[in-house]
Amino acid sequence: MYKFILLCFSFAQVLQAQPMKPSAGTIKHYEKFPSKFVTPRNIDVWLPEGYSKNDKYSVLYMHDGQMLFDANTTWNKQEWKADETASRLMAEKKTQKFIIVGISSIAETRHSDYFPEKPLDDLPKSEQDSLYAMKKNDGKLVFEEKINSDNYLKFIVNELKPFIDNIYSVYSDSKHTFIAGSSMGGLISMYAICQYPNVFGGAACISTHWPGVTKLENNPIPAAFMNYMKNQLPAPENHKIYFDFGTATLDAAYEPFQLQADEVVKAKGYKAGKNWMTKKFEGADHSEQSWAARFEVPLVFLLGR
């Protein structure tokens, strides 16, 4: 599969124009990256200023990659300012050198791609059926397709990562490989480090959407996530995990669930400030603007020198 992907992009790199213009560094754009596991999606690889094949870089994989670098191209005219923050932290020598691999999401499959699959499998079939029948405020189903997060992670680990490791001058070991996202992207980042502890050495789970769906009352999903983590969180000796949440808009619902998650993390032997961090940001809402304002916190925690 890797050879097929490489053949595709030996031409695509020449033909594709960059859709995003970063304020710092450069972006290599891959249109509809091929996959046998998920719907092809765009990949944007951000390289810091001065990137050199003579150096080695860590890798941060990020979900919702279309929202990271250029507000002029996003649906809500917001961005994470990931390029600016990463560039500044490297210049200040607060982090190791790293690149960012932005994995674009697809609106129709985002919830199905990002919802952790194994915890759902542990729920009774009647509850699974209820979740699949659940609708959003606009009347559309929450899950427009069957949950596909196991395949989404296979895409990252078995197709995308080998491509990145071969094309770019990066470390391939778990000590230098990280994953991050917000909201549902926070859930899938937690799931990734649990499912692939030998691939990812750290995860940033930002504004983690512990409810999993829109329902808050009588919702069995958070408990299923907690039980999953009790069994699957990797060893704290060689992993780091970061959580945070705000107190406004959608984030206002997260604190009770995050406190439960923190108890699970502590019981697994993680130590606050060493290999685990949970931060509360008063007044922060559920938006790229808020995540951009605090993005340096997880970056320094996971990739700090």
Protein backbone atom coordinates (compact mmCIF):
# COMPACT_ATOMS: atom_id res chain seq x y z
CA MET A 1 0.00 0.00 0.00
CA TYR A 2 2.85 2.38 0.83
CA LYS A 3 4.37 1.95 -2.64
CA PHE A 4 0.98 2.76 -4.19
CA ILE A 5 0.68 5.92 -2.07
CA LEU A 6 4.22 6.97 -2.93
CA LEU A 7 3.54 6.49 -6.65
CA CYS A 8 0.40 8.64 -6.42
CA PHE A 9 2.23 11.49 -4.77
CA SER A 10 5.34 11.44 -6.92
CA PHE A 11 3.06 13.36 -9.32
CA ALA A 12 0.67 15.00 -6.86
CA GLN A 13 3.44 16.97 -5.16
CA VAL A 14 4.16 18.70 -8.45
CA LEU A 15 0.57 19.26 -9.53
CA GLN A 16 -1.12 20.36 -6.31
CA ALA A 17 -1.13 23.98 -5.21
CA GLN A 18 -1.06 24.65 -1.48
CA PRO A 19 -4.59 25.52 -0.31
CA MET A 20 -3.43 27.02 2.99
CA LYS A 21 -0.92 29.78 3.53
CA PRO A 22 0.81 29.50 6.91
CA SER A 23 2.14 32.58 8.68
CA ALA A 24 5.30 30.65 9.58
CA GLY A 25 6.99 27.66 7.99
CA THR A 26 5.70 25.83 4.92
CA ILE A 27 2.92 23.37 4.12
CA LYS A 28 3.07 20.34 1.84
CA HIS A 29 -0.45 19.54 0.69
CA TYR A 30 -1.67 16.06 -0.30
CA GLU A 31 -5.11 16.04 -1.90
CA LYS A 32 -7.36 13.06 -1.09
CA PHE A 33 -4.67 10.87 0.42
CA PRO A 34 -5.52 7.30 -0.68
CA SER A 35 -6.61 4.71 1.86
CA LYS A 36 -8.17 1.26 1.97
CA PHE A 37 -9.53 1.95 5.48
CA VAL A 38 -11.28 5.34 5.27
CA THR A 39 -12.61 7.85 2.77
CA PRO A 40 -9.62 9.63 1.18
CA ARG A 41 -8.98 12.98 2.83
CA ASN A 42 -6.58 15.88 2.55
CA ILE A 43 -3.31 15.85 4.48
CA ASP A 44 -1.31 18.99 5.19
CA VAL A 45 2.23 18.54 6.50
CA TRP A 46 3.57 21.64 8.22
CA LEU A 47 7.35 22.08 8.26
CA PRO A 48 9.01 24.67 10.49
CA GLU A 49 11.18 27.44 9.11
CA GLY A 50 14.63 26.05 8.40
CA TYR A 51 13.44 22.47 8.10
CA SER A 52 16.42 20.40 7.00
CA LYS A 53 16.90 16.77 6.05
CA ASN A 54 20.13 16.97 8.01
CA ASP A 55 18.09 17.18 11.24
CA LYS A 56 15.58 14.80 12.80
CA TYR A 57 12.13 15.94 13.88
CA SER A 58 9.40 14.63 16.14
CA VAL A 59 5.91 14.31 14.65
CA LEU A 60 2.60 15.62 15.95
CA TYR A 61 -0.45 14.14 14.21
CA MET A 62 -3.53 16.36 14.52
CA HIS A 63 -7.17 15.75 13.67
CA ASP A 64 -9.37 18.35 11.92
CA GLY A 65 -6.27 19.40 10.05
CA GLN A 66 -8.13 21.92 7.86
CA MET A 67 -8.63 24.14 10.95
CA LEU A 68 -5.01 24.44 12.03
CA PHE A 69 -3.12 26.95 9.91
CA ASP A 70 -5.13 29.48 7.90
CA ALA A 71 -8.39 31.11 9.02
CA ASN A 72 -8.99 32.34 5.47
CA THR A 73 -9.75 28.77 4.43
CA THR A 74 -11.90 27.59 7.37
CA TRP A 75 -15.70 27.52 7.62
CA ASN A 76 -15.80 29.79 10.70
CA LYS A 77 -12.79 31.98 9.89
CA GLN A 78 -10.95 30.69 12.96
CA GLU A 79 -7.73 28.67 13.23
CA TRP A 80 -5.52 27.07 15.83
CA LYS A 81 -2.53 29.24 14.80
CA ALA A 82 -0.59 26.01 15.09
CA ASP A 83 2.19 27.25 12.83
CA GLU A 84 2.75 30.47 14.76
CA THR A 85 2.71 28.79 18.18
CA ALA A 86 4.93 25.88 17.16
CA SER A 87 7.43 28.21 15.47
CA ARG A 88 7.64 30.48 18.51
CA LEU A 89 8.14 27.61 20.97
CA MET A 90 10.90 26.08 18.85
CA ALA A 91 12.60 29.47 18.48
CA GLU A 92 12.44 29.94 22.25
CA LYS A 93 13.84 26.40 22.63
CA LYS A 94 10.88 25.42 24.80
CA THR A 95 10.17 22.36 22.65
CA GLN A 96 12.09 19.90 20.57
CA LYS A 97 11.99 20.30 16.80
CA PHE A 98 8.83 18.84 15.31
CA ILE A 99 6.54 18.82 12.30
CA ILE A 100 2.74 18.76 12.31
CA VAL A 101 0.70 16.38 10.17
CA GLY A 102 -2.80 17.84 9.79
CA ILE A 103 -5.40 15.19 8.95
CA SER A 104 -8.51 16.81 7.51
CA SER A 105 -11.87 15.56 8.71
CA ILE A 106 -14.88 14.88 6.51
CA ALA A 107 -18.11 16.37 7.84
CA GLU A 108 -20.30 13.40 6.97
CA THR A 109 -18.02 10.83 8.62
CA ARG A 110 -16.31 12.86 11.36
CA HIS A 111 -18.41 11.52 14.24
CA SER A 112 -18.09 7.95 13.00
CA ASP A 113 -14.34 8.30 12.45
CA TYR A 114 -13.64 9.87 15.85
CA PHE A 115 -15.98 7.97 18.22
CA PRO A 116 -13.96 5.26 20.04
CA GLU A 117 -15.20 1.91 18.82
CA LYS A 118 -14.21 -0.57 21.54
CA PRO A 119 -16.11 1.20 24.38
CA LEU A 120 -19.25 1.19 22.24
CA ASP A 121 -18.88 -2.55 21.65
CA ASP A 122 -19.14 -3.10 25.42
CA LEU A 123 -22.59 -1.48 25.59
CA PRO A 124 -25.74 -3.60 25.30
CA LYS A 125 -27.08 -3.81 21.77
CA SER A 126 -30.22 -1.91 22.76
CA GLU A 127 -28.12 1.06 23.85
CA GLN A 128 -26.01 0.85 20.69
CA ASP A 129 -29.17 0.90 18.61
CA SER A 130 -30.43 3.96 20.54
CA LEU A 131 -27.21 5.81 19.80
CA TYR A 132 -27.38 5.04 16.10
CA ALA A 133 -30.96 6.36 16.05
CA MET A 134 -30.04 9.61 17.80
CA LYS A 135 -30.47 12.84 15.87
CA LYS A 136 -28.86 16.28 16.05
CA ASN A 137 -30.75 19.55 16.35
CA ASP A 138 -30.93 19.82 12.57
CA GLY A 139 -32.69 16.46 12.35
CA LYS A 140 -29.74 14.60 10.86
CA LEU A 141 -28.43 11.43 12.47
CA VAL A 142 -25.46 11.90 14.82
CA PHE A 143 -23.85 8.88 13.19
CA GLU A 144 -24.49 9.08 9.46
CA GLU A 145 -22.33 5.98 9.00
CA LYS A 146 -21.29 3.03 11.15
CA ILE A 147 -18.61 3.91 13.69
CA ASN A 148 -15.27 3.50 11.95
CA SER A 149 -12.64 4.69 14.42
CA ASP A 150 -10.67 1.45 14.43
CA ASN A 151 -10.19 1.79 10.68
CA TYR A 152 -9.43 5.51 11.05
CA LEU A 153 -6.57 4.66 13.39
CA LYS A 154 -5.40 1.91 11.04
CA PHE A 155 -5.26 4.57 8.33
CA ILE A 156 -3.02 6.77 10.48
CA VAL A 157 -0.79 3.99 11.77
CA ASN A 158 -0.55 1.67 8.76
CA GLU A 159 -0.81 4.07 5.81
CA LEU A 160 -0.13 7.68 6.77
CA LYS A 161 2.67 7.21 9.30
CA PRO A 162 4.80 4.97 7.04
CA PHE A 163 4.45 7.58 4.30
CA ILE A 164 5.53 10.41 6.64
CA ASP A 165 8.40 8.35 8.05
CA ASN A 166 9.73 7.66 4.56
CA ILE A 167 9.25 11.10 3.01
CA TYR A 168 10.32 13.35 5.87
CA SER A 169 13.33 13.47 8.17
CA VAL A 170 11.56 12.35 11.32
CA TYR A 171 11.99 9.98 14.23
CA SER A 172 9.68 7.00 13.87
CA ASP A 173 9.68 5.74 17.47
CA SER A 174 6.90 6.34 20.01
CA LYS A 175 9.11 8.63 22.10
CA HIS A 176 8.90 11.21 19.31
CA THR A 177 5.39 10.52 17.97
CA PHE A 178 2.36 12.37 19.35
CA ILE A 179 -1.33 12.79 18.56
CA ALA A 180 -3.73 15.63 19.38
CA GLY A 181 -7.21 16.94 18.76
CA SER A 182 -10.15 18.75 20.30
CA SER A 183 -13.73 17.77 21.15
CA MET A 184 -14.34 14.48 19.30
CA GLY A 185 -10.70 14.83 18.25
CA GLY A 186 -9.82 14.66 21.94
CA LEU A 187 -11.67 11.36 22.26
CA ILE A 188 -9.95 9.77 19.29
CA SER A 189 -6.56 10.98 20.58
CA MET A 190 -7.22 9.23 23.91
CA TYR A 191 -8.29 6.14 21.97
CA ALA A 192 -5.19 6.24 19.77
CA ILE A 193 -2.70 6.17 22.62
CA CYS A 194 -4.64 3.32 24.23
CA GLN A 195 -4.97 1.25 21.06
CA TYR A 196 -1.44 1.93 19.82
CA PRO A 197 0.79 2.53 22.85
CA ASN A 198 3.83 1.38 20.89
CA VAL A 199 3.20 4.01 18.22
CA PHE A 200 2.20 7.11 20.22
CA GLY A 201 4.18 8.30 23.20
CA GLY A 202 1.84 11.16 24.07
CA ALA A 203 -1.65 12.47 23.44
CA ALA A 204 -3.27 15.88 23.87
CA CYS A 205 -7.01 15.57 24.47
CA ILE A 206 -8.32 19.13 24.31
CA SER A 207 -11.92 19.97 25.29
CA THR A 208 -12.57 16.23 25.23
CA HIS A 209 -16.20 15.51 24.33
CA TRP A 210 -16.80 12.89 27.02
CA PRO A 211 -20.58 12.69 26.38
CA GLY A 212 -19.75 11.30 22.92
CA VAL A 213 -23.09 12.52 21.56
CA THR A 214 -25.45 15.44 22.22
CA LYS A 215 -27.27 13.73 25.10
CA LEU A 216 -26.13 14.51 28.66
CA GLU A 217 -28.76 12.94 30.94
CA ASN A 218 -28.94 9.15 31.33
CA ASN A 219 -26.03 8.79 28.94
CA PRO A 220 -24.10 5.49 29.28
CA ILE A 221 -21.22 6.59 27.06
CA PRO A 222 -18.97 8.44 29.57
CA ALA A 223 -19.00 5.43 31.91
CA ALA A 224 -18.09 3.19 28.97
CA PHE A 225 -15.13 5.48 28.17
CA MET A 226 -13.98 5.42 31.80
CA ASN A 227 -14.16 1.61 31.96
CA TYR A 228 -12.23 1.38 28.73
CA MET A 229 -9.46 3.62 30.06
CA LYS A 230 -9.26 1.60 33.28
CA ASN A 231 -8.32 -1.39 31.18
CA GLN A 232 -6.41 0.17 28.30
CA LEU A 233 -4.48 3.27 29.37
CA PRO A 234 -0.82 2.52 28.60
CA ALA A 235 2.00 2.43 31.12
CA PRO A 236 2.82 5.85 32.59
CA GLU A 237 6.57 5.16 32.54
CA ASN A 238 6.86 5.91 28.82
CA HIS A 239 3.68 7.84 27.98
CA LYS A 240 2.27 11.31 28.56
CA ILE A 241 -1.37 12.36 28.42
CA TYR A 242 -2.84 15.85 28.52
CA PHE A 243 -6.47 16.89 29.09
CA ASP A 244 -8.13 20.27 29.36
CA PHE A 245 -11.52 21.97 29.25
CA GLY A 246 -13.07 25.41 29.32
CA THR A 247 -16.12 26.61 31.21
CA ALA A 248 -18.26 28.22 28.49
CA THR A 249 -20.59 26.94 25.73
CA LEU A 250 -20.19 23.19 25.11
CA ASP A 251 -17.14 22.97 27.36
CA ALA A 252 -19.29 23.88 30.36
CA ALA A 253 -20.59 20.29 30.46
CA TYR A 254 -17.18 18.61 30.59
CA GLU A 255 -15.81 19.15 34.10
CA PRO A 256 -17.71 16.35 35.93
CA PHE A 257 -16.63 13.82 33.33
CA GLN A 258 -13.05 15.09 33.28
CA LEU A 259 -12.85 14.69 37.06
CA GLN A 260 -13.86 11.04 36.62
CA ALA A 261 -11.21 10.60 33.92
CA ASP A 262 -8.60 12.17 36.19
CA GLU A 263 -9.35 9.59 38.89
CA VAL A 264 -8.82 6.81 36.35
CA VAL A 265 -5.54 8.33 35.20
CA LYS A 266 -4.27 8.69 38.77
CA ALA A 267 -5.27 5.10 39.59
CA LYS A 268 -3.18 3.94 36.62
CA GLY A 269 -0.09 5.51 38.21
CA TYR A 270 0.21 8.76 36.25
CA LYS A 271 1.67 11.70 38.17
CA ALA A 272 0.38 15.25 37.72
CA GLY A 273 2.94 17.51 36.06
CA LYS A 274 5.21 14.60 35.18
CA ASN A 275 3.39 12.38 32.71
CA TRP A 276 -0.16 13.69 33.06
CA MET A 277 -1.74 17.13 33.07
CA THR A 278 -5.34 18.34 33.27
CA LYS A 279 -6.00 22.07 32.95
CA LYS A 280 -9.17 24.09 33.49
CA PHE A 281 -9.46 27.34 31.53
CA GLU A 282 -12.00 29.70 33.06
CA GLY A 283 -14.17 31.46 30.51
CA ALA A 284 -12.81 29.50 27.54
CA ASP A 285 -15.43 28.34 25.06
CA HIS A 286 -15.55 25.49 22.56
CA SER A 287 -13.79 27.08 19.59
CA GLU A 288 -10.56 27.20 17.62
CA GLN A 289 -9.97 30.65 19.02
CA SER A 290 -9.90 29.25 22.56
CA TRP A 291 -7.76 26.26 21.59
CA ALA A 292 -5.29 28.54 19.83
CA ALA A 293 -4.95 30.68 22.96
CA ARG A 294 -3.78 27.71 25.05
CA PHE A 295 -2.19 25.46 22.45
CA GLU A 296 1.29 26.11 23.77
CA VAL A 297 0.41 24.40 27.07
CA PRO A 298 0.03 20.88 25.64
CA LEU A 299 2.87 21.45 23.19
CA VAL A 300 5.33 22.29 25.95
CA PHE A 301 4.03 19.47 28.13
CA LEU A 302 4.34 16.79 25.44
CA LEU A 303 7.28 18.07 23.39
CA GLY A 304 9.18 20.14 25.94
CA ARG A 305 12.93 19.93 26.02
